N, C-alpha and C. Protein backbone atom coordinates (compact mmCIF):
# COMPACT_ATOMS: atom_id res chain seq x y z
N MET A 1 -4.50 33.76 33.42
CA MET A 1 -4.27 33.56 31.83
C MET A 1 -3.70 32.27 31.64
N SER A 2 -2.62 31.91 32.36
CA SER A 2 -1.73 30.83 32.07
C SER A 2 -2.68 29.55 32.33
N ASP A 3 -3.51 29.55 33.29
CA ASP A 3 -4.57 28.39 33.57
C ASP A 3 -5.45 28.28 32.36
N ALA A 4 -5.85 29.41 31.74
CA ALA A 4 -6.73 29.23 30.54
C ALA A 4 -5.97 28.66 29.55
N LYS A 5 -4.74 29.13 29.27
CA LYS A 5 -3.98 28.59 28.16
C LYS A 5 -3.64 27.01 28.26
N SER A 6 -3.43 26.60 29.50
CA SER A 6 -3.21 25.27 29.87
C SER A 6 -4.44 24.46 29.57
N ARG A 7 -5.58 24.95 29.89
CA ARG A 7 -6.80 24.22 29.60
C ARG A 7 -7.09 24.14 28.28
N LEU A 8 -6.84 25.11 27.43
CA LEU A 8 -6.91 25.13 25.93
C LEU A 8 -5.93 24.24 25.28
N ARG A 9 -4.68 24.11 26.00
CA ARG A 9 -3.70 23.35 25.44
C ARG A 9 -3.83 21.75 25.63
N TRP A 10 -4.38 21.47 26.90
CA TRP A 10 -4.32 20.17 27.40
C TRP A 10 -5.30 19.24 26.33
N PRO A 11 -6.52 19.55 25.89
CA PRO A 11 -7.31 18.76 25.08
C PRO A 11 -6.54 18.39 23.86
N ARG A 12 -5.95 19.41 23.14
CA ARG A 12 -5.37 18.97 21.73
C ARG A 12 -4.01 18.08 22.15
N THR A 13 -3.32 18.44 23.17
CA THR A 13 -2.07 17.58 23.45
C THR A 13 -2.58 16.18 23.76
N SER A 14 -3.65 16.10 24.65
CA SER A 14 -3.97 14.63 24.88
C SER A 14 -4.45 13.85 23.63
N ILE A 15 -5.14 14.46 22.70
CA ILE A 15 -5.59 13.90 21.42
C ILE A 15 -4.43 13.35 20.59
N ILE A 16 -3.38 14.13 20.66
CA ILE A 16 -2.15 13.72 19.76
C ILE A 16 -1.37 12.69 20.56
N LEU A 17 -1.14 12.83 21.86
CA LEU A 17 -0.17 12.09 22.60
C LEU A 17 -1.01 10.75 23.10
N GLY A 18 -2.38 10.73 22.94
CA GLY A 18 -3.01 9.49 23.39
C GLY A 18 -3.12 9.35 24.88
N ILE A 19 -2.96 10.63 25.64
CA ILE A 19 -3.04 10.60 27.11
C ILE A 19 -4.34 11.24 27.47
N TRP A 20 -5.18 10.35 28.14
CA TRP A 20 -6.56 10.86 28.29
C TRP A 20 -6.87 11.10 29.76
N PRO A 21 -7.73 12.11 30.11
CA PRO A 21 -8.25 12.27 31.56
C PRO A 21 -8.71 10.89 32.08
N THR A 22 -8.43 10.56 33.32
CA THR A 22 -8.51 9.29 33.79
C THR A 22 -9.57 9.06 34.99
N GLU A 23 -10.23 10.31 35.22
CA GLU A 23 -11.25 10.34 36.46
C GLU A 23 -12.31 9.21 36.30
N ASN A 24 -12.76 8.98 35.04
CA ASN A 24 -13.81 7.99 34.86
C ASN A 24 -13.25 6.69 34.20
N LEU A 25 -11.98 6.41 34.65
CA LEU A 25 -11.29 5.21 34.11
C LEU A 25 -12.19 3.87 34.11
N SER A 26 -12.35 3.28 33.11
CA SER A 26 -12.97 1.88 33.02
C SER A 26 -12.46 0.89 32.07
N ILE A 27 -12.73 -0.31 32.34
CA ILE A 27 -12.14 -1.24 31.34
C ILE A 27 -12.73 -1.15 29.99
N ILE A 28 -14.14 -0.86 29.82
CA ILE A 28 -14.61 -0.77 28.47
C ILE A 28 -14.20 0.51 27.75
N SER A 29 -14.00 1.68 28.57
CA SER A 29 -13.46 2.81 27.89
C SER A 29 -11.94 2.42 27.15
N LEU A 30 -11.04 1.73 28.15
CA LEU A 30 -9.73 1.45 27.81
C LEU A 30 -9.85 0.58 26.43
N LEU A 31 -10.55 -0.53 26.42
CA LEU A 31 -10.75 -1.46 25.32
C LEU A 31 -11.27 -0.72 24.10
N ALA A 32 -12.29 0.29 24.21
CA ALA A 32 -12.81 1.02 23.08
C ALA A 32 -11.66 1.86 22.61
N GLU A 33 -10.90 2.48 23.49
CA GLU A 33 -9.84 3.31 22.90
C GLU A 33 -8.77 2.55 22.26
N ALA A 34 -8.55 1.40 22.73
CA ALA A 34 -7.39 0.50 22.17
C ALA A 34 -7.79 0.04 20.68
N VAL A 35 -9.10 -0.46 20.69
CA VAL A 35 -9.51 -0.73 19.31
C VAL A 35 -9.65 0.24 18.47
N ALA A 36 -10.07 1.40 18.75
CA ALA A 36 -10.17 2.65 17.93
C ALA A 36 -8.75 2.99 17.50
N ASN A 37 -7.74 3.04 18.46
CA ASN A 37 -6.40 3.28 18.02
C ASN A 37 -5.85 2.41 17.17
N GLY A 38 -6.17 1.06 17.32
CA GLY A 38 -5.51 -0.05 16.56
C GLY A 38 -6.13 0.36 15.00
N VAL A 39 -7.53 0.46 14.89
CA VAL A 39 -8.13 0.69 13.59
C VAL A 39 -7.36 1.92 12.86
N VAL A 40 -7.32 2.92 13.67
CA VAL A 40 -6.70 4.26 12.89
C VAL A 40 -5.46 3.98 12.47
N THR A 41 -4.58 3.51 13.41
CA THR A 41 -3.15 3.12 13.16
C THR A 41 -2.94 2.26 11.80
N THR A 42 -3.71 1.26 11.74
CA THR A 42 -3.77 0.36 10.64
C THR A 42 -4.08 1.18 9.30
N LEU A 43 -5.18 1.93 9.45
CA LEU A 43 -5.66 2.61 8.18
C LEU A 43 -4.57 3.58 7.79
N ILE A 44 -3.92 4.39 8.60
CA ILE A 44 -2.90 5.23 8.52
C ILE A 44 -1.68 4.65 7.82
N ALA A 45 -1.20 3.45 8.46
CA ALA A 45 -0.01 2.71 7.97
C ALA A 45 -0.30 2.20 6.52
N SER A 46 -1.59 2.00 6.28
CA SER A 46 -1.89 1.30 4.88
C SER A 46 -1.47 2.31 3.77
N LEU A 47 -1.59 3.73 4.05
CA LEU A 47 -1.36 4.55 2.89
C LEU A 47 0.32 4.52 2.63
N PRO A 48 1.19 4.69 3.41
CA PRO A 48 2.47 4.57 2.91
C PRO A 48 2.94 3.28 2.33
N LEU A 49 2.26 2.32 2.93
CA LEU A 49 2.58 0.95 2.43
C LEU A 49 2.12 0.71 1.09
N TYR A 50 0.96 1.34 0.68
CA TYR A 50 0.43 1.38 -0.55
C TYR A 50 1.23 2.14 -1.45
N LEU A 51 1.78 3.28 -1.09
CA LEU A 51 2.64 4.02 -1.93
C LEU A 51 3.98 3.33 -2.05
N GLY A 52 4.43 2.63 -1.21
CA GLY A 52 5.76 1.86 -1.35
C GLY A 52 5.63 0.87 -2.42
N TRP A 53 4.55 0.15 -2.36
CA TRP A 53 4.34 -0.93 -3.28
C TRP A 53 3.89 -0.51 -4.84
N ARG A 54 3.35 0.78 -4.74
CA ARG A 54 3.12 1.37 -6.11
C ARG A 54 4.39 1.87 -6.71
N LEU A 55 5.24 2.23 -5.78
CA LEU A 55 6.63 2.74 -6.23
C LEU A 55 7.27 1.72 -7.21
N VAL A 56 7.13 0.35 -6.67
CA VAL A 56 7.91 -0.83 -7.30
C VAL A 56 7.12 -1.44 -8.39
N GLY A 57 6.06 -0.72 -8.91
CA GLY A 57 5.31 -1.28 -9.97
C GLY A 57 3.95 -2.09 -9.82
N ALA A 58 3.52 -2.05 -8.47
CA ALA A 58 2.21 -2.70 -8.03
C ALA A 58 1.09 -2.06 -8.77
N GLY A 59 -0.01 -2.65 -8.93
CA GLY A 59 -1.07 -2.14 -9.66
C GLY A 59 -2.03 -1.12 -8.65
N ALA A 60 -2.83 -0.33 -9.05
CA ALA A 60 -3.53 0.41 -8.21
C ALA A 60 -4.71 -0.26 -7.50
N GLU A 61 -4.40 -1.29 -6.78
CA GLU A 61 -5.41 -2.15 -6.01
C GLU A 61 -5.24 -2.07 -4.53
N TYR A 62 -5.72 -1.10 -3.94
CA TYR A 62 -5.53 -0.88 -2.49
C TYR A 62 -6.00 -2.09 -1.60
N ARG A 63 -7.13 -2.61 -1.96
CA ARG A 63 -7.47 -3.75 -1.29
C ARG A 63 -6.60 -4.81 -1.08
N ARG A 64 -5.76 -5.11 -2.06
CA ARG A 64 -4.69 -6.07 -1.87
C ARG A 64 -3.59 -5.75 -1.03
N ILE A 65 -3.44 -4.42 -0.66
CA ILE A 65 -2.53 -4.18 0.27
C ILE A 65 -3.27 -4.10 1.58
N ALA A 66 -4.28 -3.52 1.76
CA ALA A 66 -5.15 -3.37 2.98
C ALA A 66 -5.26 -4.75 3.74
N VAL A 67 -5.77 -5.82 2.99
CA VAL A 67 -6.21 -7.05 3.56
C VAL A 67 -5.01 -7.60 4.23
N PRO A 68 -3.85 -7.86 3.58
CA PRO A 68 -2.70 -8.47 4.29
C PRO A 68 -2.39 -7.61 5.68
N LEU A 69 -2.57 -6.37 5.52
CA LEU A 69 -2.00 -5.37 6.39
C LEU A 69 -2.94 -5.61 7.75
N CYS A 70 -4.18 -5.77 7.46
CA CYS A 70 -5.33 -5.98 8.59
C CYS A 70 -4.90 -7.26 9.31
N TYR A 71 -4.51 -8.37 8.47
CA TYR A 71 -4.25 -9.66 8.94
C TYR A 71 -3.00 -9.46 9.83
N GLN A 72 -2.02 -8.89 9.45
CA GLN A 72 -0.75 -8.58 10.15
C GLN A 72 -1.06 -7.91 11.36
N SER A 73 -1.94 -6.92 11.37
CA SER A 73 -2.02 -6.08 12.42
C SER A 73 -3.03 -6.79 13.49
N ALA A 74 -3.82 -7.62 13.05
CA ALA A 74 -4.51 -8.52 14.09
C ALA A 74 -3.67 -9.37 14.92
N ILE A 75 -2.75 -10.07 14.12
CA ILE A 75 -1.91 -10.96 14.66
C ILE A 75 -0.80 -10.30 15.62
N ALA A 76 -0.39 -9.14 14.99
CA ALA A 76 0.54 -8.40 15.98
C ALA A 76 -0.20 -7.86 17.32
N THR A 77 -1.37 -7.40 17.16
CA THR A 77 -2.08 -7.01 18.26
C THR A 77 -2.31 -8.15 19.40
N LEU A 78 -2.60 -9.42 18.94
CA LEU A 78 -2.72 -10.55 19.76
C LEU A 78 -1.45 -10.76 20.42
N LEU A 79 -0.31 -10.73 19.69
CA LEU A 79 1.03 -11.02 20.39
C LEU A 79 1.51 -9.94 21.24
N ILE A 80 1.28 -8.86 20.79
CA ILE A 80 1.61 -7.66 21.81
C ILE A 80 0.86 -7.73 23.04
N SER A 81 -0.38 -8.26 23.04
CA SER A 81 -1.22 -8.46 24.18
C SER A 81 -0.68 -9.50 25.07
N ALA A 82 -0.28 -10.62 24.23
CA ALA A 82 0.33 -11.73 25.02
C ALA A 82 1.71 -11.38 25.67
N GLY A 83 2.41 -10.51 25.01
CA GLY A 83 3.65 -10.00 25.87
C GLY A 83 3.38 -9.23 26.92
N PHE A 84 2.28 -8.51 26.99
CA PHE A 84 1.97 -7.79 28.16
C PHE A 84 1.35 -8.43 29.30
N VAL A 85 0.63 -9.59 28.73
CA VAL A 85 0.16 -10.50 29.89
C VAL A 85 1.30 -11.26 30.52
N ALA A 86 2.39 -11.59 29.75
CA ALA A 86 3.51 -12.35 30.09
C ALA A 86 4.38 -11.67 31.04
N THR A 87 4.42 -10.43 30.79
CA THR A 87 5.33 -9.53 31.74
C THR A 87 4.50 -9.13 33.08
N SER A 88 3.27 -8.94 32.88
CA SER A 88 2.61 -8.53 34.06
C SER A 88 2.04 -9.59 35.01
N THR A 89 1.88 -10.73 34.54
CA THR A 89 1.22 -11.92 35.25
C THR A 89 2.16 -12.13 36.56
N PRO A 90 3.36 -12.43 36.30
CA PRO A 90 4.36 -12.54 37.54
C PRO A 90 4.26 -11.38 38.56
N LEU A 91 4.17 -10.26 38.05
CA LEU A 91 4.11 -9.10 39.02
C LEU A 91 2.80 -9.12 39.67
N ILE A 92 1.69 -9.33 39.01
CA ILE A 92 0.45 -9.44 39.69
C ILE A 92 0.40 -10.41 40.79
N VAL A 93 1.06 -11.60 40.37
CA VAL A 93 1.21 -12.78 41.41
C VAL A 93 1.95 -12.22 42.70
N ALA A 94 3.06 -11.49 42.30
CA ALA A 94 3.97 -11.09 43.42
C ALA A 94 3.35 -10.05 44.30
N GLU A 95 2.50 -9.22 43.63
CA GLU A 95 1.92 -8.07 44.35
C GLU A 95 0.31 -7.84 43.96
N PRO A 96 -0.44 -8.82 44.56
CA PRO A 96 -1.86 -8.99 44.08
C PRO A 96 -2.72 -7.65 43.97
N HIS A 97 -2.46 -6.63 44.86
CA HIS A 97 -3.25 -5.42 44.85
C HIS A 97 -2.47 -4.32 44.21
N PHE A 98 -1.40 -4.44 43.51
CA PHE A 98 -0.55 -3.43 43.00
C PHE A 98 -1.51 -2.64 41.90
N PHE A 99 -2.13 -3.24 41.08
CA PHE A 99 -2.89 -2.51 40.17
C PHE A 99 -4.06 -1.77 40.59
N GLU A 100 -4.66 -2.25 41.72
CA GLU A 100 -5.71 -1.51 42.49
C GLU A 100 -5.20 -0.16 42.94
N ARG A 101 -3.98 -0.20 43.39
CA ARG A 101 -3.50 0.88 43.98
C ARG A 101 -3.00 1.84 42.83
N MET A 102 -2.57 1.47 41.67
CA MET A 102 -2.30 2.38 40.61
C MET A 102 -3.51 2.95 39.98
N ARG A 103 -4.56 2.07 40.08
CA ARG A 103 -5.98 2.72 39.48
C ARG A 103 -6.41 3.73 40.43
N GLU A 104 -6.18 3.63 41.67
CA GLU A 104 -6.42 4.78 42.64
C GLU A 104 -5.85 6.04 42.36
N VAL A 105 -4.57 5.93 41.90
CA VAL A 105 -3.87 6.99 41.65
C VAL A 105 -4.28 7.63 40.29
N LEU A 106 -4.60 6.94 39.20
CA LEU A 106 -5.16 7.36 38.01
C LEU A 106 -6.65 8.05 38.11
N ILE A 107 -7.49 7.51 38.80
CA ILE A 107 -8.88 8.02 38.79
C ILE A 107 -9.10 9.28 39.77
N ARG A 108 -7.96 9.62 40.67
CA ARG A 108 -8.18 10.67 41.50
C ARG A 108 -8.04 12.06 40.71
N GLU A 109 -8.53 13.09 41.07
CA GLU A 109 -8.65 14.42 40.42
C GLU A 109 -7.20 14.93 40.17
N GLY A 110 -6.99 15.59 39.18
CA GLY A 110 -5.53 16.21 38.94
C GLY A 110 -5.21 16.09 37.54
N ASP A 111 -3.99 16.62 37.27
CA ASP A 111 -3.37 16.62 35.91
C ASP A 111 -3.15 15.16 35.49
N PRO A 112 -3.63 14.86 34.30
CA PRO A 112 -3.64 13.51 33.90
C PRO A 112 -2.12 13.06 33.53
N VAL A 113 -1.29 14.02 33.05
CA VAL A 113 0.07 13.69 32.80
C VAL A 113 0.90 13.31 33.91
N ALA A 114 0.63 14.05 35.06
CA ALA A 114 1.05 13.86 36.36
C ALA A 114 0.84 12.50 36.81
N LYS A 115 -0.52 12.21 36.93
CA LYS A 115 -0.99 10.85 37.17
C LYS A 115 -0.39 9.73 36.56
N TRP A 116 -0.29 9.90 35.30
CA TRP A 116 0.30 8.76 34.38
C TRP A 116 1.84 8.66 34.80
N SER A 117 2.51 9.88 35.06
CA SER A 117 3.90 9.74 35.38
C SER A 117 4.19 8.99 36.70
N GLU A 118 3.14 9.27 37.73
CA GLU A 118 3.18 8.61 39.07
C GLU A 118 2.94 7.24 38.84
N ALA A 119 2.15 6.81 38.19
CA ALA A 119 1.67 5.44 37.86
C ALA A 119 2.97 4.76 37.11
N TRP A 120 3.49 5.38 36.30
CA TRP A 120 4.67 4.74 35.71
C TRP A 120 5.81 4.47 36.79
N ARG A 121 6.04 5.60 37.51
CA ARG A 121 7.03 5.36 38.70
C ARG A 121 6.66 4.16 39.58
N MET A 122 5.25 3.91 39.86
CA MET A 122 4.95 2.79 40.69
C MET A 122 5.43 1.45 39.93
N VAL A 123 5.23 1.43 38.62
CA VAL A 123 5.61 0.24 37.84
C VAL A 123 7.08 -0.03 37.90
N GLU A 124 7.87 1.06 37.78
CA GLU A 124 9.20 1.07 37.78
C GLU A 124 9.63 0.53 39.40
N TRP A 125 8.97 0.99 40.38
CA TRP A 125 9.35 0.54 41.65
C TRP A 125 9.00 -0.89 41.92
N LEU A 126 7.86 -1.41 41.30
CA LEU A 126 7.42 -2.79 41.50
C LEU A 126 8.59 -3.67 40.71
N GLN A 127 8.94 -3.26 39.50
CA GLN A 127 9.97 -4.01 38.71
C GLN A 127 11.24 -4.23 39.62
N LYS A 128 11.55 -3.17 40.25
CA LYS A 128 12.86 -3.11 40.99
C LYS A 128 12.64 -4.17 42.19
N ALA A 129 11.36 -3.82 43.01
CA ALA A 129 11.23 -4.65 44.19
C ALA A 129 11.05 -6.11 44.00
N ARG A 130 10.59 -6.43 42.71
CA ARG A 130 10.22 -7.94 42.43
C ARG A 130 11.17 -8.23 41.18
N GLY A 131 12.44 -8.17 41.46
CA GLY A 131 13.23 -8.34 40.35
C GLY A 131 13.21 -9.69 39.69
N ALA A 132 13.02 -10.84 40.43
CA ALA A 132 13.03 -12.19 39.64
C ALA A 132 11.63 -12.19 38.90
N ALA A 133 10.59 -11.81 39.51
CA ALA A 133 9.33 -11.88 38.77
C ALA A 133 9.32 -10.98 37.46
N ALA A 134 9.95 -9.81 37.64
CA ALA A 134 10.09 -8.84 36.51
C ALA A 134 10.98 -9.40 35.38
N MET A 135 12.12 -10.02 35.86
CA MET A 135 12.96 -10.61 34.91
C MET A 135 12.25 -11.88 34.07
N SER A 136 11.68 -12.79 34.85
CA SER A 136 11.05 -14.03 34.28
C SER A 136 9.83 -13.44 33.22
N GLY A 137 9.10 -12.41 33.76
CA GLY A 137 8.15 -12.01 32.73
C GLY A 137 8.78 -11.13 31.53
N GLY A 138 9.84 -10.40 31.78
CA GLY A 138 10.26 -9.79 30.62
C GLY A 138 11.04 -10.64 29.75
N MET A 139 11.62 -11.66 30.09
CA MET A 139 12.15 -12.65 29.28
C MET A 139 11.19 -13.42 28.34
N LEU A 140 10.03 -13.70 29.13
CA LEU A 140 9.08 -14.35 28.26
C LEU A 140 8.45 -13.26 27.07
N MET A 141 8.23 -12.12 27.55
CA MET A 141 7.76 -11.06 26.71
C MET A 141 8.70 -10.83 25.54
N MET A 142 10.02 -10.84 25.74
CA MET A 142 10.92 -10.76 24.67
C MET A 142 10.83 -11.85 23.54
N LEU A 143 10.67 -12.98 24.14
CA LEU A 143 10.62 -14.28 23.44
C LEU A 143 9.37 -14.06 22.29
N ILE A 144 8.32 -13.60 23.07
CA ILE A 144 6.88 -13.49 22.22
C ILE A 144 7.26 -12.37 21.19
N TYR A 145 7.92 -11.44 21.45
CA TYR A 145 8.15 -10.24 20.54
C TYR A 145 9.26 -10.65 19.53
N LEU A 146 10.15 -11.48 19.87
CA LEU A 146 11.01 -12.10 18.72
C LEU A 146 10.21 -13.00 17.78
N VAL A 147 9.25 -13.68 18.26
CA VAL A 147 8.31 -14.54 17.41
C VAL A 147 7.59 -13.79 16.52
N LEU A 148 7.11 -12.55 17.13
CA LEU A 148 6.23 -11.70 16.40
C LEU A 148 7.00 -10.98 15.19
N LEU A 149 8.28 -10.64 15.59
CA LEU A 149 9.23 -9.98 14.54
C LEU A 149 9.48 -10.88 13.38
N GLY A 150 9.68 -12.21 13.78
CA GLY A 150 10.08 -13.08 12.78
C GLY A 150 8.87 -13.46 11.95
N TRP A 151 7.69 -13.49 12.56
CA TRP A 151 6.52 -13.75 11.72
C TRP A 151 6.16 -12.52 10.85
N LEU A 152 6.27 -11.38 11.22
CA LEU A 152 5.96 -10.18 10.46
C LEU A 152 6.96 -10.21 9.31
N VAL A 153 8.31 -10.66 9.42
CA VAL A 153 9.24 -10.71 8.28
C VAL A 153 8.68 -11.71 7.25
N VAL A 154 8.27 -12.93 7.76
CA VAL A 154 8.01 -13.99 6.85
C VAL A 154 6.66 -13.69 6.17
N SER A 155 5.63 -13.02 6.91
CA SER A 155 4.45 -12.85 6.47
C SER A 155 4.33 -11.70 5.28
N ARG A 156 5.55 -10.95 5.14
CA ARG A 156 5.55 -10.01 4.07
C ARG A 156 5.36 -10.54 2.63
N GLY A 157 5.66 -11.94 2.53
CA GLY A 157 5.38 -12.58 1.36
C GLY A 157 4.00 -12.48 0.90
N ALA A 158 3.14 -12.21 1.81
CA ALA A 158 1.70 -12.25 1.37
C ALA A 158 1.39 -10.92 0.34
N TYR A 159 2.05 -9.92 0.40
CA TYR A 159 1.88 -8.80 -0.30
C TYR A 159 2.40 -9.14 -1.75
N ARG A 160 3.39 -9.94 -1.75
CA ARG A 160 3.84 -10.33 -3.25
C ARG A 160 3.05 -11.25 -3.87
N GLN A 161 2.46 -12.10 -3.09
CA GLN A 161 1.46 -13.06 -3.62
C GLN A 161 0.07 -12.40 -4.09
N ALA A 162 -0.23 -11.38 -3.18
CA ALA A 162 -1.59 -10.80 -3.51
C ALA A 162 -1.42 -9.83 -4.64
N LEU A 163 -0.14 -9.20 -4.95
CA LEU A 163 0.09 -8.26 -5.92
C LEU A 163 0.61 -8.95 -7.25
N GLY A 164 0.95 -10.19 -7.07
CA GLY A 164 1.53 -10.95 -8.22
C GLY A 164 2.95 -10.61 -8.80
N ILE A 165 3.70 -10.14 -7.76
CA ILE A 165 5.03 -9.58 -7.88
C ILE A 165 6.04 -10.67 -7.38
N VAL A 166 6.81 -11.07 -8.40
CA VAL A 166 7.79 -12.30 -8.11
C VAL A 166 9.11 -11.83 -7.49
N ALA A 167 9.56 -10.85 -7.99
CA ALA A 167 10.92 -10.24 -7.58
C ALA A 167 11.05 -9.77 -6.10
N ARG A 168 11.84 -10.44 -5.42
CA ARG A 168 12.08 -10.21 -4.02
C ARG A 168 12.49 -8.78 -3.68
N TRP A 169 13.51 -8.37 -4.67
CA TRP A 169 14.08 -6.94 -4.50
C TRP A 169 13.09 -5.92 -4.43
N ARG A 170 11.90 -6.13 -5.24
CA ARG A 170 10.89 -5.16 -5.16
C ARG A 170 10.11 -5.04 -3.70
N SER A 171 10.10 -6.11 -3.11
CA SER A 171 9.50 -6.16 -1.78
C SER A 171 10.35 -5.44 -0.85
N LEU A 172 11.79 -5.49 -0.99
CA LEU A 172 12.66 -4.81 -0.13
C LEU A 172 12.66 -3.45 -0.37
N VAL A 173 12.48 -2.96 -1.64
CA VAL A 173 12.59 -1.60 -2.03
C VAL A 173 11.21 -0.96 -1.43
N ALA A 174 10.04 -1.57 -1.54
CA ALA A 174 8.66 -1.20 -1.08
C ALA A 174 8.73 -1.08 0.50
N PHE A 175 9.45 -2.03 1.13
CA PHE A 175 9.54 -1.83 2.51
C PHE A 175 10.48 -0.64 2.92
N MET A 176 11.57 -0.40 2.18
CA MET A 176 12.25 0.70 2.60
C MET A 176 11.70 2.12 2.39
N ALA A 177 10.87 2.14 1.21
CA ALA A 177 10.06 3.38 0.89
C ALA A 177 9.02 3.59 2.02
N PHE A 178 8.44 2.47 2.46
CA PHE A 178 7.38 2.51 3.52
C PHE A 178 8.00 2.94 4.81
N SER A 179 9.16 2.49 5.15
CA SER A 179 9.93 2.87 6.28
C SER A 179 10.31 4.17 6.32
N ALA A 180 10.80 4.81 5.19
CA ALA A 180 11.18 6.24 4.97
C ALA A 180 9.96 7.13 5.30
N LEU A 181 8.88 6.71 4.68
CA LEU A 181 7.72 7.53 4.83
C LEU A 181 7.09 7.60 6.22
N VAL A 182 7.23 6.38 6.88
CA VAL A 182 6.75 6.33 8.33
C VAL A 182 7.77 7.19 9.26
N ILE A 183 8.96 7.05 9.09
CA ILE A 183 10.05 7.80 9.92
C ILE A 183 9.73 9.30 9.63
N THR A 184 9.56 9.78 8.36
CA THR A 184 9.36 11.22 8.15
C THR A 184 8.12 11.62 8.73
N THR A 185 6.97 10.94 8.63
CA THR A 185 5.69 11.31 9.09
C THR A 185 5.66 11.13 10.66
N GLY A 186 6.32 10.08 11.24
CA GLY A 186 6.46 10.16 12.58
C GLY A 186 7.11 11.09 13.26
N GLY A 187 8.29 11.64 12.67
CA GLY A 187 9.15 12.64 13.16
C GLY A 187 8.28 13.97 13.24
N SER A 188 7.59 14.25 12.19
CA SER A 188 6.75 15.35 12.17
C SER A 188 5.63 15.37 13.16
N PHE A 189 5.05 14.06 13.54
CA PHE A 189 4.06 13.92 14.67
C PHE A 189 4.66 14.42 15.93
N VAL A 190 5.91 13.69 16.11
CA VAL A 190 6.46 14.03 17.40
C VAL A 190 6.94 15.51 17.58
N ALA A 191 7.25 16.27 16.52
CA ALA A 191 7.52 17.64 16.50
C ALA A 191 6.31 18.45 16.79
N ILE A 192 5.31 18.01 16.22
CA ILE A 192 4.04 18.80 16.52
C ILE A 192 3.62 18.55 17.86
N ALA A 193 3.55 17.43 18.43
CA ALA A 193 3.24 17.02 19.91
C ALA A 193 4.03 17.82 20.84
N SER A 194 5.44 17.70 20.41
CA SER A 194 6.20 18.43 21.34
C SER A 194 5.86 20.14 21.43
N TRP A 195 5.61 20.63 20.24
CA TRP A 195 5.40 22.03 20.24
C TRP A 195 4.04 22.17 20.98
N LEU A 196 2.98 21.37 20.95
CA LEU A 196 1.65 21.54 21.52
C LEU A 196 1.96 21.42 23.09
N SER A 197 2.92 20.53 23.55
CA SER A 197 3.08 20.29 24.93
C SER A 197 4.01 21.23 25.52
N ARG A 198 4.65 22.20 24.75
CA ARG A 198 5.64 22.93 25.46
C ARG A 198 5.08 23.85 26.50
N PRO A 199 5.76 24.38 27.47
CA PRO A 199 5.24 25.24 28.50
C PRO A 199 5.10 26.71 28.01
N GLY A 200 4.23 27.33 28.54
CA GLY A 200 4.26 28.88 28.08
C GLY A 200 3.26 29.31 27.05
């Protein structure tokens, strides 16, 4: 009975947490999932952003909110990917066959959560074993992410321009409202995911 419950719980848990079975792991499936997640995340984020700007007096023009957000999302995705490349490249050079071994762990049969946990432990081991490579890649990644953060702050002016809003305080209030909505919904998401993942 417990096995049946586990099988029923796993699909809905994996959908919410984004952890998928890996027996047929492929580059195409990973890329397709990444693109789909990016599109869905951007669309979901556009709703609290739209409500935040409406709160400070912006007109009911969703397109003027969605277009700058899509632009920001695209640049952020590129820089996040660049950060991942920056931190992983020195490790790949240090251990050329590491990701092949990690893939072997992920594609074997078994509980996907356990396999992802083991893969993450392998990454932690590699970072400790190759400390210099991990540090150099990590520092470059942090630099890229600091550039990304600065660019996101500066690029928020695109919303004021698109909406014809001059006062900067309105932009700040809209951002605070957006953040509050995201934190609230994100907390609810985590609570639901934890409930679905609980044992028993």
